[in-house]
Protein backbone atom coordinates (compact mmCIF):
# COMPACT_ATOMS: atom_id res chain seq x y z
CA MET A 1 0.00 0.00 0.00
CA THR A 2 1.43 3.38 -0.98
CA THR A 3 2.08 6.15 1.51
CA HIS A 4 -0.40 8.34 -0.37
CA ARG A 5 -3.14 5.71 0.00
CA LYS A 6 -2.40 5.23 3.70
CA GLN A 7 -2.70 8.99 4.21
CA ARG A 8 -5.98 9.00 2.28
CA LEU A 9 -7.37 6.15 4.40
CA VAL A 10 -6.50 8.03 7.58
CA ARG A 11 -8.10 11.17 6.16
CA ILE A 12 -11.29 9.24 5.29
CA LEU A 13 -11.53 8.08 8.91
CA GLU A 14 -11.07 11.66 10.10
CA ILE A 15 -13.73 12.95 7.69
CA ILE A 16 -16.38 10.42 8.70
CA SER A 17 -15.67 11.01 12.37
CA THR A 18 -16.16 14.78 12.10
CA ARG A 19 -19.24 15.04 9.89
CA PRO A 20 -21.97 12.87 8.43
CA VAL A 21 -21.09 11.38 5.05
CA HIS A 22 -24.00 9.76 3.23
CA THR A 23 -22.49 8.70 -0.11
CA GLN A 24 -19.19 7.80 -1.65
CA ASP A 25 -19.58 10.79 -3.96
CA GLU A 26 -19.70 13.05 -0.87
CA LEU A 27 -16.51 11.41 0.32
CA VAL A 28 -14.86 11.94 -3.09
CA GLN A 29 -15.80 15.63 -2.90
CA ALA A 30 -14.56 16.00 0.68
CA LEU A 31 -11.24 14.45 -0.33
CA ALA A 32 -11.06 16.65 -3.44
CA ASP A 33 -11.59 19.73 -1.25
CA GLU A 34 -8.42 18.68 0.60
CA GLY A 35 -6.37 18.09 -2.56
CA TYR A 36 -6.84 14.34 -3.01
CA ARG A 37 -7.58 13.36 -6.61
CA VAL A 38 -9.63 10.18 -6.28
CA THR A 39 -12.44 8.45 -8.14
CA GLN A 40 -15.61 6.99 -6.69
CA SER A 41 -14.38 3.48 -7.47
CA SER A 42 -11.15 4.11 -5.52
CA VAL A 43 -13.20 5.40 -2.59
CA SER A 44 -15.37 2.29 -2.86
CA ARG A 45 -12.29 0.12 -2.42
CA ASP A 46 -11.13 2.33 0.47
CA VAL A 47 -14.51 1.92 2.18
CA ALA A 48 -14.17 -1.86 1.83
CA VAL A 49 -10.58 -1.90 3.11
CA LEU A 50 -11.56 0.20 6.13
CA GLY A 51 -14.61 -1.98 6.76
CA LEU A 52 -16.85 1.07 7.03
CA VAL A 53 -20.51 0.42 7.72
CA LYS A 54 -23.61 2.48 7.05
CA GLN A 55 -26.10 3.18 9.79
CA ASP A 56 -29.13 5.36 9.07
CA GLY A 57 -27.51 6.21 5.73
CA ILE A 58 -24.27 7.56 7.27
CA TYR A 59 -20.80 5.97 7.08
CA TYR A 60 -19.23 4.88 10.37
CA ARG A 61 -16.19 2.94 11.42
CA PRO A 62 -17.35 -0.29 13.06
CA PRO A 63 -16.68 -0.51 16.81
CA ALA A 64 -13.44 -2.26 17.71
CA GLY A 65 -13.80 -5.98 18.30
CA VAL A 66 -17.19 -6.22 16.59
CA ALA A 67 -17.24 -8.95 13.98
CA ARG A 68 -18.84 -7.66 10.83
CA THR A 69 -21.24 -10.04 9.17
CA ILE A 70 -22.27 -9.61 5.59
CA ASP A 71 -25.31 -10.97 3.85
CA PRO A 72 -24.27 -13.69 1.36
CA ASN A 73 -26.18 -11.89 -1.39
CA GLU A 74 -24.30 -8.67 -0.67
CA LEU A 75 -21.06 -10.66 -0.70
CA ARG A 76 -21.96 -12.05 -4.15
CA ILE A 77 -22.42 -8.48 -5.40
CA ARG A 78 -19.18 -7.33 -3.74
CA GLU A 79 -17.24 -10.14 -5.39
CA GLY A 80 -19.03 -10.25 -8.74
CA VAL A 81 -19.68 -6.70 -9.91
CA LEU A 82 -16.94 -5.11 -12.00
CA ALA A 83 -18.71 -1.98 -13.22
CA VAL A 84 -22.10 -0.27 -13.12
CA ALA A 85 -23.51 2.47 -15.31
CA PRO A 86 -26.88 4.15 -15.81
CA ALA A 87 -28.67 3.57 -19.10
CA GLY A 88 -31.54 5.89 -19.90
CA ASP A 89 -33.83 6.98 -17.10
CA VAL A 90 -34.52 3.70 -15.29
CA LEU A 91 -31.98 1.09 -16.36
CA VAL A 92 -28.64 0.14 -14.83
CA VAL A 93 -26.09 -1.93 -16.75
CA ILE A 94 -23.98 -4.15 -14.50
CA HIS A 95 -20.85 -5.89 -15.76
CA THR A 96 -19.50 -9.05 -14.13
CA PRO A 97 -16.78 -11.57 -14.94
CA PRO A 98 -17.86 -14.15 -17.55
CA GLY A 99 -20.39 -16.60 -16.14
CA GLU A 100 -21.20 -14.53 -13.04
CA ALA A 101 -24.12 -12.37 -14.21
CA ASN A 102 -26.81 -14.92 -13.35
CA ARG A 103 -25.51 -15.37 -9.80
CA VAL A 104 -25.24 -11.63 -9.19
CA GLY A 105 -28.69 -11.07 -10.71
CA ILE A 106 -30.19 -13.66 -8.36
CA ALA A 107 -28.45 -11.98 -5.40
CA ILE A 108 -29.98 -8.62 -6.37
CA ASP A 109 -33.40 -10.25 -6.74
CA ARG A 110 -33.10 -11.94 -3.33
CA LEU A 111 -32.20 -8.65 -1.63
CA ALA A 112 -35.60 -7.37 -2.86
CA TRP A 113 -34.60 -3.71 -3.04
CA SER A 114 -37.82 -1.69 -3.26
CA GLU A 115 -36.48 0.46 -6.12
CA VAL A 116 -35.82 -2.55 -8.39
CA ALA A 117 -38.56 -3.72 -10.74
CA GLY A 118 -36.46 -6.66 -11.97
CA THR A 119 -33.26 -7.92 -13.53
CA ILE A 120 -32.28 -9.72 -16.71
CA ALA A 121 -28.92 -11.51 -16.67
CA GLY A 122 -26.80 -12.79 -19.52
CA ASP A 123 -23.31 -14.25 -19.25
CA ASP A 124 -21.41 -11.18 -18.05
CA THR A 125 -23.99 -8.38 -18.16
CA ILE A 126 -27.12 -7.62 -16.15
CA PHE A 127 -29.85 -5.13 -16.99
CA LEU A 128 -31.50 -3.85 -13.82
CA ALA A 129 -34.79 -2.00 -14.27
CA ALA A 130 -35.76 0.49 -11.59
CA HIS A 131 -39.26 1.79 -11.05
CA ASP A 132 -38.24 5.39 -11.75
CA ARG A 133 -35.25 7.72 -12.09
CA ARG A 134 -34.89 8.11 -8.32
CA GLY A 135 -34.88 4.34 -7.96
CA GLN A 136 -32.17 4.11 -10.62
CA ARG A 137 -29.96 6.48 -8.63
CA LYS A 138 -30.61 4.56 -5.41
CA ALA A 139 -29.77 1.22 -7.07
CA LEU A 140 -26.57 2.71 -8.52
CA THR A 141 -25.57 3.98 -5.08
CA ARG A 142 -26.28 0.63 -3.42
CA LEU A 143 -24.30 -1.27 -6.04
CA ARG A 144 -21.37 1.14 -5.86
CA ASP A 145 -21.39 0.98 -2.07
CA LEU A 146 -21.29 -2.83 -2.12
CA ALA A 147 -18.98 -3.51 -5.05
CA VAL A 148 -15.25 -3.07 -5.36
CA LEU A 149 -15.36 -1.61 -8.85
CA VAL A 150 -12.66 -1.73 -11.50
CA GLU A 151 -11.37 1.69 -12.51
């Protein structure tokens, strides 16, 4: 791990301990305000490395000594999603490694997110249909928060 990344991780912990941070995009902006050039996907990996959790929509560091459990469906998304992108007003395109789209699609379906109307999975691509534009944004945020995305 580079010195720059270690400094950024420490700064992320300082930021979330001094003010509420609701999204990774807010964290990207807070870091940018302090001179860190970072993408949302890098912040997503940082969140995973730090083991940050969300409570009431705000990022927190988990208490020391508390074992963090993760839903197996969320784990499937974390391990299987390579990239996500909006398509139109209500669709999300999700890319996975070859052969993983069906498993990730099932995991999304099992989580039963209220904003998701349904999914269609191929070999390495999933189309997620949201109920509306707001639902699309919420689904994108959830997926980005869970996945360690490729830059």
